[in-house]
C-alpha atoms as a PDB file:
ATOM      1  CA  MET A   1       1.799 -69.368   3.962  1.00  0.00           C
ATOM      2  CA  ASP A   2       2.235 -67.423   0.736  1.00  0.00           C
ATOM      3  CA  TRP A   3      -0.392 -64.950   1.796  1.00  0.00           C
ATOM      4  CA  ILE A   4       1.414 -64.350   5.105  1.00  0.00           C
ATOM      5  CA  LEU A   5       4.665 -63.644   3.257  1.00  0.00           C
ATOM      6  CA  ALA A   6       2.834 -61.302   0.910  1.00  0.00           C
ATOM      7  CA  LEU A   7       1.288 -59.526   3.892  1.00  0.00           C
ATOM      8  CA  PHE A   8       4.706 -59.021   5.460  1.00  0.00           C
ATOM      9  CA  LEU A   9       6.076 -57.682   2.192  1.00  0.00           C
ATOM     10  CA  VAL A  10       3.192 -55.214   1.859  1.00  0.00           C
ATOM     11  CA  TRP A  11       3.554 -54.162   5.484  1.00  0.00           C
ATOM     12  CA  GLY A  12       7.293 -53.654   5.029  1.00  0.00           C
ATOM     13  CA  SER A  13       6.692 -51.603   1.915  1.00  0.00           C
ATOM     14  CA  LEU A  14       4.116 -49.427   3.661  1.00  0.00           C
ATOM     15  CA  THR A  15       6.394 -48.950   6.659  1.00  0.00           C
ATOM     16  CA  ALA A  16       9.303 -47.971   4.428  1.00  0.00           C
ATOM     17  CA  ALA A  17       7.090 -45.515   2.530  1.00  0.00           C
ATOM     18  CA  ALA A  18       5.858 -44.015   5.794  1.00  0.00           C
ATOM     19  CA  ASP A  19       9.413 -43.679   7.090  1.00  0.00           C
ATOM     20  CA  GLU A  20      10.493 -42.010   3.854  1.00  0.00           C
ATOM     21  CA  GLN A  21       7.550 -39.610   3.988  1.00  0.00           C
ATOM     22  CA  ALA A  22       8.371 -38.768   7.598  1.00  0.00           C
ATOM     23  CA  ARG A  23      11.961 -38.087   6.582  1.00  0.00           C
ATOM     24  CA  LEU A  24      10.857 -35.846   3.721  1.00  0.00           C
ATOM     25  CA  ASP A  25       8.434 -34.015   6.035  1.00  0.00           C
ATOM     26  CA  ALA A  26      11.237 -33.426   8.539  1.00  0.00           C
ATOM     27  CA  VAL A  27      13.507 -32.099   5.785  1.00  0.00           C
ATOM     28  CA  GLN A  28      10.724 -29.800   4.596  1.00  0.00           C
ATOM     29  CA  ARG A  29      10.066 -28.500   8.122  1.00  0.00           C
ATOM     30  CA  GLU A  30      13.762 -27.823   8.602  1.00  0.00           C
ATOM     31  CA  ALA A  31      13.958 -25.948   5.284  1.00  0.00           C
ATOM     32  CA  VAL A  32      10.921 -23.826   6.181  1.00  0.00           C
ATOM     33  CA  ALA A  33      12.383 -23.069   9.613  1.00  0.00           C
ATOM     34  CA  LYS A  34      15.704 -22.011   8.084  1.00  0.00           C
ATOM     35  CA  GLU A  35      13.975 -19.846   5.491  1.00  0.00           C
ATOM     36  CA  GLU A  36      11.919 -18.083   8.153  1.00  0.00           C
ATOM     37  CA  ALA A  37      14.943 -17.594  10.412  1.00  0.00           C
ATOM     38  CA  ALA A  38      16.908 -16.070   7.520  1.00  0.00           C
ATOM     39  CA  LEU A  39      14.312 -13.312   7.199  1.00  0.00           C
ATOM     40  CA  PHE A  40      15.052 -12.121  10.738  1.00  0.00           C
ATOM     41  CA  GLN A  41      18.831 -12.496  10.449  1.00  0.00           C
ATOM     42  CA  GLU A  42      20.520 -11.887  13.835  1.00  0.00           C
ATOM     43  CA  GLN A  43      17.129 -11.405  15.517  1.00  0.00           C
ATOM     44  CA  ALA A  44      15.932 -14.901  14.597  1.00  0.00           C
ATOM     45  CA  ASP A  45      16.661 -16.685  17.877  1.00  0.00           C
ATOM     46  CA  ALA A  46      15.094 -13.944  19.992  1.00  0.00           C
ATOM     47  CA  VAL A  47      11.988 -13.556  17.802  1.00  0.00           C
ATOM     48  CA  LEU A  48      11.208 -17.180  17.007  1.00  0.00           C
ATOM     49  CA  LYS A  49      11.342 -18.360  20.613  1.00  0.00           C
ATOM     50  CA  GLU A  50       8.622 -15.887  21.669  1.00  0.00           C
ATOM     51  CA  ASP A  51       4.968 -16.907  21.740  1.00  0.00           C
ATOM     52  CA  VAL A  52       4.264 -13.393  20.443  1.00  0.00           C
ATOM     53  CA  ALA A  53       6.881 -10.965  19.113  1.00  0.00           C
ATOM     54  CA  LEU A  54       6.396  -7.290  18.236  1.00  0.00           C
ATOM     55  CA  LEU A  55       8.760  -5.712  15.717  1.00  0.00           C
ATOM     56  CA  PRO A  56       9.503  -3.157  16.948  1.00  0.00           C
ATOM     57  CA  ASP A  57       8.178  -3.002  20.512  1.00  0.00           C
ATOM     58  CA  THR A  58       8.818   0.737  20.705  1.00  0.00           C
ATOM     59  CA  THR A  59       7.385   2.940  17.993  1.00  0.00           C
ATOM     60  CA  TYR A  60       5.967   6.371  17.056  1.00  0.00           C
ATOM     61  CA  PRO A  61       2.707   7.785  15.678  1.00  0.00           C
ATOM     62  CA  GLY A  62       2.351   7.096  11.962  1.00  0.00           C
ATOM     63  CA  ASP A  63       4.581   4.014  12.033  1.00  0.00           C
ATOM     64  CA  ALA A  64       3.757   0.285  11.849  1.00  0.00           C
ATOM     65  CA  VAL A  65       4.388  -2.901  13.818  1.00  0.00           C
ATOM     66  CA  LEU A  66       4.883  -6.459  12.567  1.00  0.00           C
ATOM     67  CA  VAL A  67       3.404  -9.145  14.833  1.00  0.00           C
ATOM     68  CA  ARG A  68       4.598 -12.745  14.775  1.00  0.00           C
ATOM     69  CA  SER A  69       2.708 -15.310  16.841  1.00  0.00           C
ATOM     70  CA  LYS A  70       3.079 -19.048  17.338  1.00  0.00           C
ATOM     71  CA  SER A  71      -0.719 -19.326  17.462  1.00  0.00           C
ATOM     72  CA  GLN A  72      -3.432 -18.469  14.980  1.00  0.00           C
ATOM     73  CA  GLY A  73      -6.095 -15.943  15.896  1.00  0.00           C
ATOM     74  CA  ASP A  74      -6.965 -12.266  15.626  1.00  0.00           C
ATOM     75  CA  ILE A  75      -5.296  -9.112  16.924  1.00  0.00           C
ATOM     76  CA  VAL A  76      -7.580  -6.324  18.132  1.00  0.00           C
ATOM     77  CA  TRP A  77      -5.765  -3.033  17.748  1.00  0.00           C
ATOM     78  CA  GLN A  78      -7.125   0.519  17.881  1.00  0.00           C
ATOM     79  CA  ASN A  79     -10.707  -0.727  17.600  1.00  0.00           C
ATOM     80  CA  LYS A  80     -10.001  -2.858  14.525  1.00  0.00           C
ATOM     81  CA  THR A  81      -9.483  -6.598  14.115  1.00  0.00           C
ATOM     82  CA  TYR A  82      -6.480  -7.931  12.198  1.00  0.00           C
ATOM     83  CA  PRO A  83      -6.343 -11.692  11.466  1.00  0.00           C
ATOM     84  CA  LEU A  84      -2.996 -13.420  11.953  1.00  0.00           C
ATOM     85  CA  GLN A  85      -2.058 -14.986   8.624  1.00  0.00           C
ATOM     86  CA  PRO A  86      -0.088 -18.273   8.461  1.00  0.00           C
ATOM     87  CA  TYR A  87       3.405 -18.069   7.035  1.00  0.00           C
ATOM     88  CA  ALA A  88       6.217 -20.609   7.482  1.00  0.00           C
ATOM     89  CA  ASN A  89       6.017 -21.774  11.121  1.00  0.00           C
ATOM     90  CA  GLY A  90       4.255 -18.689  12.450  1.00  0.00           C
ATOM     91  CA  PHE A  91       1.273 -16.393  12.074  1.00  0.00           C
ATOM     92  CA  TYR A  92       1.698 -12.752  11.090  1.00  0.00           C
ATOM     93  CA  ALA A  93      -0.096  -9.403  11.007  1.00  0.00           C
ATOM     94  CA  MET A  94       1.009  -5.886  10.122  1.00  0.00           C
ATOM     95  CA  LEU A  95      -0.509  -3.211  12.373  1.00  0.00           C
ATOM     96  CA  PRO A  96      -0.651   0.495  11.541  1.00  0.00           C
ATOM     97  CA  VAL A  97      -0.031   3.021  14.309  1.00  0.00           C
ATOM     98  CA  ALA A  98      -2.356   5.982  13.751  1.00  0.00           C
ATOM     99  CA  ILE A  99      -0.608   9.283  13.262  1.00  0.00           C
ATOM    100  CA  ASP A 100      -2.754  10.744  16.052  1.00  0.00           C
ATOM    101  CA  ALA A 101      -2.031   7.841  18.441  1.00  0.00           C
ATOM    102  CA  LYS A 102      -1.414   9.016  21.995  1.00  0.00           C
ATOM    103  CA  PRO A 103       1.972   8.272  23.585  1.00  0.00           C
ATOM    104  CA  GLY A 104       1.854   5.505  26.157  1.00  0.00           C
ATOM    105  CA  THR A 105       2.134   1.773  26.731  1.00  0.00           C
ATOM    106  CA  TYR A 106      -0.350  -0.507  24.985  1.00  0.00           C
ATOM    107  CA  THR A 107      -0.959  -4.259  25.161  1.00  0.00           C
ATOM    108  CA  ILE A 108      -1.041  -6.360  21.989  1.00  0.00           C
ATOM    109  CA  ALA A 109      -1.676 -10.101  22.438  1.00  0.00           C
ATOM    110  CA  GLY A 110      -0.161  -9.931  25.904  1.00  0.00           C
ATOM    111  CA  LYS A 111       2.915  -7.998  24.776  1.00  0.00           C
ATOM    112  CA  LYS A 112       3.711  -4.386  25.647  1.00  0.00           C
ATOM    113  CA  LEU A 113       4.046  -1.799  22.884  1.00  0.00           C
ATOM    114  CA  GLN A 114       5.390   1.616  23.750  1.00  0.00           C
ATOM    115  CA  ILE A 115       4.376   4.561  21.569  1.00  0.00           C
ATOM    116  CA  LYS A 116       6.680   7.532  22.047  1.00  0.00           C
ATOM    117  CA  ALA A 117       5.749  11.154  21.433  1.00  0.00           C
ATOM    118  CA  LYS A 118       6.612  12.700  18.076  1.00  0.00           C
ATOM    119  CA  THR A 119       5.990  16.136  16.648  1.00  0.00           C
ATOM    120  CA  PHE A 120       5.549  16.947  12.971  1.00  0.00           C
ATOM    121  CA  ASP A 121       6.381  20.222  11.254  1.00  0.00           C
ATOM    122  CA  VAL A 122       3.911  22.383   9.347  1.00  0.00           C
ATOM    123  CA  ASP A 123       3.809  22.576   5.558  1.00  0.00           C
ATOM    124  CA  ARG A 124       2.128  25.567   3.902  1.00  0.00           C
ATOM    125  CA  LEU A 125       1.148  25.138   0.268  1.00  0.00           C
ATOM    126  CA  THR A 126      -0.116  27.855  -2.057  1.00  0.00           C
ATOM    127  CA  VAL A 127      -2.152  26.762  -5.077  1.00  0.00           C
ATOM    128  CA  THR A 128      -4.125  28.465  -7.832  1.00  0.00           C
ATOM    129  CA  LYS A 129      -7.849  29.114  -7.617  1.00  0.00           C
ATOM    130  CA  GLU A 130      -8.460  26.353 -10.169  1.00  0.00           C
ATOM    131  CA  GLN A 131      -6.465  23.877  -8.098  1.00  0.00           C
ATOM    132  CA  GLU A 132      -8.298  24.913  -4.963  1.00  0.00           C
ATOM    133  CA  GLN A 133     -11.610  24.237  -6.707  1.00  0.00           C
ATOM    134  CA  MET A 134     -10.462  20.685  -7.497  1.00  0.00           C
ATOM    135  CA  ARG A 135     -10.533  19.889  -3.805  1.00  0.00           C
ATOM    136  CA  GLN A 136     -14.198  20.918  -3.601  1.00  0.00           C
ATOM    137  CA  ASP A 137     -15.478  18.206  -5.949  1.00  0.00           C
ATOM    138  CA  THR A 138     -16.276  15.844  -3.079  1.00  0.00           C
ATOM    139  CA  GLN A 139     -18.445  13.533  -5.173  1.00  0.00           C
ATOM    140  CA  ARG A 140     -15.681  12.771  -7.643  1.00  0.00           C
ATOM    141  CA  ILE A 141     -13.114  12.439  -4.849  1.00  0.00           C
ATOM    142  CA  ALA A 142     -15.366  10.005  -2.969  1.00  0.00           C
ATOM    143  CA  LYS A 143     -15.873   7.907  -6.099  1.00  0.00           C
ATOM    144  CA  ASP A 144     -12.118   7.546  -6.554  1.00  0.00           C
ATOM    145  CA  GLN A 145     -11.632   6.816  -2.869  1.00  0.00           C
ATOM    146  CA  ALA A 146     -14.115   3.937  -3.008  1.00  0.00           C
ATOM    147  CA  LYS A 147     -12.118   2.491  -5.914  1.00  0.00           C
ATOM    148  CA  ILE A 148      -8.845   2.853  -3.988  1.00  0.00           C
ATOM    149  CA  ASP A 149     -10.289   1.343  -0.824  1.00  0.00           C
ATOM    150  CA  LEU A 150     -11.534  -1.653  -2.799  1.00  0.00           C
ATOM    151  CA  ALA A 151      -8.108  -2.192  -4.378  1.00  0.00           C
ATOM    152  CA  ARG A 152      -6.516  -2.172  -0.916  1.00  0.00           C
ATOM    153  CA  SER A 153      -9.167  -4.365   0.681  1.00  0.00           C
ATOM    154  CA  LYS A 154      -7.669  -7.659  -0.549  1.00  0.00           C
ATOM    155  CA  SER A 155      -4.041  -8.684  -0.171  1.00  0.00           C
ATOM    156  CA  GLU A 156      -2.093 -11.819  -0.988  1.00  0.00           C
ATOM    157  CA  PRO A 157      -1.785 -14.036   2.156  1.00  0.00           C
ATOM    158  CA  ASP A 158       1.977 -14.240   1.733  1.00  0.00           C
ATOM    159  CA  PHE A 159       5.053 -12.021   1.964  1.00  0.00           C
ATOM    160  CA  LEU A 160       5.682 -11.304  -1.705  1.00  0.00           C
ATOM    161  CA  TYR A 161       9.011  -9.674  -0.879  1.00  0.00           C
ATOM    162  CA  LYS A 162      12.113 -11.047   0.821  1.00  0.00           C
ATOM    163  CA  GLU A 163      14.738  -8.391   0.057  1.00  0.00           C
ATOM    164  CA  PRO A 164      14.969  -4.803   1.416  1.00  0.00           C
ATOM    165  CA  PHE A 165      12.728  -2.064   0.026  1.00  0.00           C
ATOM    166  CA  ILE A 166      14.285   0.579  -2.216  1.00  0.00           C
ATOM    167  CA  LEU A 167      13.630   4.281  -2.788  1.00  0.00           C
ATOM    168  CA  PRO A 168      11.412   4.399  -5.902  1.00  0.00           C
ATOM    169  CA  VAL A 169      12.949   7.516  -7.448  1.00  0.00           C
ATOM    170  CA  ALA A 170      16.132   9.540  -7.148  1.00  0.00           C
ATOM    171  CA  GLY A 171      14.534  12.842  -6.191  1.00  0.00           C
ATOM    172  CA  ARG A 172      14.761  15.766  -3.785  1.00  0.00           C
ATOM    173  CA  LEU A 173      12.626  15.431  -0.664  1.00  0.00           C
ATOM    174  CA  THR A 174      10.276  18.426  -0.651  1.00  0.00           C
ATOM    175  CA  THR A 175       7.656  17.308   1.877  1.00  0.00           C
ATOM    176  CA  PRO A 176       8.442  14.665   4.513  1.00  0.00           C
ATOM    177  CA  TYR A 177       5.961  12.205   5.953  1.00  0.00           C
ATOM    178  CA  GLY A 178       3.622  13.442   8.657  1.00  0.00           C
ATOM    179  CA  TYR A 179       3.704  17.183   8.018  1.00  0.00           C
ATOM    180  CA  THR A 180       0.588  19.093   9.030  1.00  0.00           C
ATOM    181  CA  ARG A 181      -0.503  20.719   5.776  1.00  0.00           C
ATOM    182  CA  TYR A 182      -2.243  24.024   5.169  1.00  0.00           C
ATOM    183  CA  VAL A 183      -3.413  24.853   1.643  1.00  0.00           C
ATOM    184  CA  ASN A 184      -3.873  28.578   0.967  1.00  0.00           C
ATOM    185  CA  GLY A 185      -3.898  29.149   4.711  1.00  0.00           C
ATOM    186  CA  THR A 186      -6.585  26.555   5.485  1.00  0.00           C
ATOM    187  CA  PHE A 187      -5.885  23.313   7.368  1.00  0.00           C
ATOM    188  CA  SER A 188      -5.890  20.427   4.887  1.00  0.00           C
ATOM    189  CA  GLY A 189      -4.846  17.436   7.001  1.00  0.00           C
ATOM    190  CA  THR A 190      -1.734  15.344   7.435  1.00  0.00           C
ATOM    191  CA  HIS A 191       0.635  14.722   4.557  1.00  0.00           C
ATOM    192  CA  ALA A 192       0.935  10.960   5.020  1.00  0.00           C
ATOM    193  CA  ALA A 193       3.532  10.421   2.285  1.00  0.00           C
ATOM    194  CA  LEU A 194       6.889  11.550   0.928  1.00  0.00           C
ATOM    195  CA  ASP A 195       7.030  14.088  -1.895  1.00  0.00           C
ATOM    196  CA  LEU A 196      10.146  13.543  -4.013  1.00  0.00           C
ATOM    197  CA  ALA A 197      10.758  16.213  -6.670  1.00  0.00           C
ATOM    198  CA  ALA A 198      12.329  15.085  -9.945  1.00  0.00           C
ATOM    199  CA  PRO A 199      12.109  16.111 -13.613  1.00  0.00           C
ATOM    200  CA  THR A 200       9.127  14.957 -15.621  1.00  0.00           C
ATOM    201  CA  GLY A 201       9.886  11.604 -17.202  1.00  0.00           C
ATOM    202  CA  THR A 202      12.249  10.401 -14.475  1.00  0.00           C
ATOM    203  CA  PRO A 203      11.791   6.622 -14.129  1.00  0.00           C
ATOM    204  CA  VAL A 204       9.823   5.455 -11.091  1.00  0.00           C
ATOM    205  CA  LYS A 205      10.699   1.996  -9.772  1.00  0.00           C
ATOM    206  CA  ALA A 206       8.728  -0.539  -7.764  1.00  0.00           C
ATOM    207  CA  THR A 207       9.943  -0.313  -4.173  1.00  0.00           C
ATOM    208  CA  ASN A 208       9.814  -4.100  -3.873  1.00  0.00           C
ATOM    209  CA  ALA A 209       8.276  -7.229  -5.328  1.00  0.00           C
ATOM    210  CA  GLY A 210       4.510  -7.392  -5.472  1.00  0.00           C
ATOM    211  CA  LYS A 211       1.388  -7.342  -7.594  1.00  0.00           C
ATOM    212  CA  VAL A 212      -0.170  -4.237  -9.146  1.00  0.00           C
ATOM    213  CA  VAL A 213      -3.738  -3.840  -7.875  1.00  0.00           C
ATOM    214  CA  LEU A 214      -4.555  -0.417  -9.350  1.00  0.00           C
ATOM    215  CA  SER A 215      -3.016   1.561 -12.213  1.00  0.00           C
ATOM    216  CA  GLU A 216      -5.076   4.383 -13.670  1.00  0.00           C
ATOM    217  CA  GLU A 217      -5.761   8.100 -13.698  1.00  0.00           C
ATOM    218  CA  LEU A 218      -7.488   9.396 -10.573  1.00  0.00           C
ATOM    219  CA  TYR A 219      -8.866  12.866  -9.964  1.00  0.00           C
ATOM    220  CA  LEU A 220      -6.647  14.258  -7.192  1.00  0.00           C
ATOM    221  CA  THR A 221      -3.603  11.983  -7.379  1.00  0.00           C
ATOM    222  CA  GLY A 222      -3.464  11.868 -11.189  1.00  0.00           C
ATOM    223  CA  ASN A 223      -1.885   8.805 -12.765  1.00  0.00           C
ATOM    224  CA  SER A 224      -1.567   6.472  -9.792  1.00  0.00           C
ATOM    225  CA  ILE A 225      -0.283   2.982  -9.032  1.00  0.00           C
ATOM    226  CA  TYR A 226      -0.868   0.751  -6.009  1.00  0.00           C
ATOM    227  CA  ILE A 227       1.206  -2.393  -5.490  1.00  0.00           C
ATOM    228  CA  ASP A 228       0.262  -5.191  -3.099  1.00  0.00           C
ATOM    229  CA  HIS A 229       3.330  -6.569  -1.313  1.00  0.00           C
ATOM    230  CA  GLY A 230       1.325  -9.197   0.540  1.00  0.00           C
ATOM    231  CA  MET A 231       0.114  -9.499   4.124  1.00  0.00           C
ATOM    232  CA  ASN A 232      -1.940  -6.291   3.807  1.00  0.00           C
ATOM    233  CA  LEU A 233       0.986  -4.012   2.837  1.00  0.00           C
ATOM    234  CA  PHE A 234       0.665  -1.733  -0.202  1.00  0.00           C
ATOM    235  CA  SER A 235       2.800   0.982  -1.799  1.00  0.00           C
ATOM    236  CA  GLN A 236       1.394   4.032  -3.613  1.00  0.00           C
ATOM    237  CA  TYR A 237       2.878   6.092  -6.475  1.00  0.00           C
ATOM    238  CA  ALA A 238       1.008   9.251  -7.529  1.00  0.00           C
ATOM    239  CA  HIS A 239       1.056  12.205  -9.992  1.00  0.00           C
ATOM    240  CA  LEU A 240       2.847  10.134 -12.646  1.00  0.00           C
ATOM    241  CA  SER A 241       3.158  11.352 -16.229  1.00  0.00           C
ATOM    242  CA  LYS A 242       3.055   7.783 -17.549  1.00  0.00           C
ATOM    243  CA  LEU A 243       1.742   4.448 -16.316  1.00  0.00           C
ATOM    244  CA  LEU A 244       3.898   1.543 -17.506  1.00  0.00           C
ATOM    245  CA  VAL A 245       2.117  -1.306 -15.706  1.00  0.00           C
ATOM    246  CA  LYS A 246      -1.474  -2.457 -15.397  1.00  0.00           C
ATOM    247  CA  ALA A 247      -3.549  -4.098 -12.678  1.00  0.00           C
ATOM    248  CA  GLY A 248      -2.596  -7.754 -12.336  1.00  0.00           C
ATOM    249  CA  ASP A 249       1.042  -7.305 -13.350  1.00  0.00           C
ATOM    250  CA  GLU A 250       3.661  -8.850 -11.087  1.00  0.00           C
ATOM    251  CA  VAL A 251       6.730  -6.712 -10.468  1.00  0.00           C
ATOM    252  CA  LYS A 252      10.144  -7.057  -8.855  1.00  0.00           C
ATOM    253  CA  ALA A 253      12.072  -4.503  -6.829  1.00  0.00           C
ATOM    254  CA  GLY A 254      13.565  -1.971  -9.228  1.00  0.00           C
ATOM    255  CA  ASP A 255      11.192  -2.622 -12.135  1.00  0.00           C
ATOM    256  CA  VAL A 256      10.266   0.658 -13.853  1.00  0.00           C
ATOM    257  CA  ILE A 257       6.514   1.091 -13.400  1.00  0.00           C
ATOM    258  CA  GLY A 258       5.982   4.698 -14.462  1.00  0.00           C
ATOM    259  CA  GLU A 259       7.491   8.150 -14.907  1.00  0.00           C
ATOM    260  CA  VAL A 260       7.470  11.240 -12.694  1.00  0.00           C
ATOM    261  CA  GLY A 261       4.863  13.846 -13.588  1.00  0.00           C
ATOM    262  CA  SER A 262       2.524  16.483 -12.212  1.00  0.00           C
ATOM    263  CA  THR A 263      -0.909  15.070 -12.932  1.00  0.00           C
ATOM    264  CA  GLY A 264      -3.885  15.631 -10.651  1.00  0.00           C
ATOM    265  CA  PHE A 265      -3.655  18.063  -7.717  1.00  0.00           C
ATOM    266  CA  SER A 266       0.021  18.968  -8.017  1.00  0.00           C
ATOM    267  CA  THR A 267       2.160  22.112  -8.108  1.00  0.00           C
ATOM    268  CA  GLY A 268       5.118  20.610  -9.965  1.00  0.00           C
ATOM    269  CA  PRO A 269       6.697  17.341 -11.125  1.00  0.00           C
ATOM    270  CA  HIS A 270       7.252  14.995  -8.199  1.00  0.00           C
ATOM    271  CA  LEU A 271       6.456  11.534  -6.899  1.00  0.00           C
ATOM    272  CA  HIS A 272       3.981  11.278  -4.044  1.00  0.00           C
ATOM    273  CA  PHE A 273       4.949   7.997  -2.401  1.00  0.00           C
ATOM    274  CA  THR A 274       3.797   6.140   0.675  1.00  0.00           C
ATOM    275  CA  PHE A 275       2.939   2.773   2.194  1.00  0.00           C
ATOM    276  CA  TRP A 276      -0.453   1.599   3.374  1.00  0.00           C
ATOM    277  CA  VAL A 277      -1.442  -1.136   5.786  1.00  0.00           C
ATOM    278  CA  GLY A 278      -4.865  -1.820   4.320  1.00  0.00           C
ATOM    279  CA  ASN A 279      -6.416   1.642   4.165  1.00  0.00           C
ATOM    280  CA  ASN A 280      -4.085   3.188   6.754  1.00  0.00           C
ATOM    281  CA  PRO A 281      -0.988   5.158   5.688  1.00  0.00           C
ATOM    282  CA  VAL A 282       2.309   4.340   7.406  1.00  0.00           C
ATOM    283  CA  ASN A 283       5.724   5.978   7.375  1.00  0.00           C
ATOM    284  CA  PRO A 284       7.747   4.992   4.266  1.00  0.00           C
ATOM    285  CA  ASN A 285      11.056   5.728   6.004  1.00  0.00           C
ATOM    286  CA  LEU A 286      10.612   2.564   8.091  1.00  0.00           C
ATOM    287  CA  PHE A 287      11.028   0.353   5.039  1.00  0.00           C
ATOM    288  CA  PHE A 288      13.936   1.678   2.990  1.00  0.00           C
ATOM    289  CA  ASP A 289      17.019  -0.554   2.978  1.00  0.00           C
ATOM    290  CA  THR A 290      15.368  -3.076   5.294  1.00  0.00           C
ATOM    291  CA  VAL A 291      12.297  -5.280   5.777  1.00  0.00           C
ATOM    292  CA  PRO A 292       9.820  -5.435   8.686  1.00  0.00           C
ATOM    293  CA  PHE A 293      11.392  -8.697   9.907  1.00  0.00           C
ATOM    294  CA  ARG A 294      14.476  -6.706  10.878  1.00  0.00           C
ATOM    295  CA  TRP A 295      12.807  -3.771  12.602  1.00  0.00           C
ATOM    296  CA  LYS A 296      14.325  -3.251  16.037  1.00  0.00           C
ATOM    297  CA  PRO A 297      13.241  -1.396  19.185  1.00  0.00           C
ATOM    298  CA  LYS A 298      13.932   2.329  18.873  1.00  0.00           C
END
């Protein structure tokens, strides 16, 4: 009979342990759900009930879209595949909208995304003969680009930020995002960044929390920094006079990472700043004073 009593005691102990573990698991799930909901604020109920949610569901060329899905898988968008990464109780992907994307209605994972028409002004830049020759060294430019692409090819599978993004420098906007640029009268491409003029030595701050993946002098962009904010989102800081962080450093929003300068292909002291989804530039204005979780239809 003693062995029967012992068996009951063991069984009771195991049952109690299982019940306690189930309770702890339930508490953990509730905490994770609350944490995820807090990111979306007043949009939480509407977003989290959807099998797939697009933030926003109306956008413009050069912008970005955050996808939240209840199911794991891949998103095929503009001929590229973006894996949905697990986070909290959902799966997420950030999608860039090409600056030359045609207006219209597109389908993403069964949801409709509307891209509205947008026009960009023209920027005409005059540079010296020596500066113009810099742009002809395609071999050196390609070597740097391969290094940049590699740095942006791997991202932490987590949102490293929770708070709104900040403007990295108090400067005067000289060239907005998306301008069509001509250099010495010749078409040069799209200016996929913000140029913010400020005196040399002005502190440059990290726009949000993240991990430095590149910090060194490059040929065209001079002293440059790239920060990984997780989930394939990166910020870029170029033409700096000083680099105050190194690859591998973890930073918080507002940390001073460098100083304004005019290194590389530059006509005066300024910060060239933008965001990248992988190797695709996206409009920085989307991020300031908010986070992608709170993007709304336009």
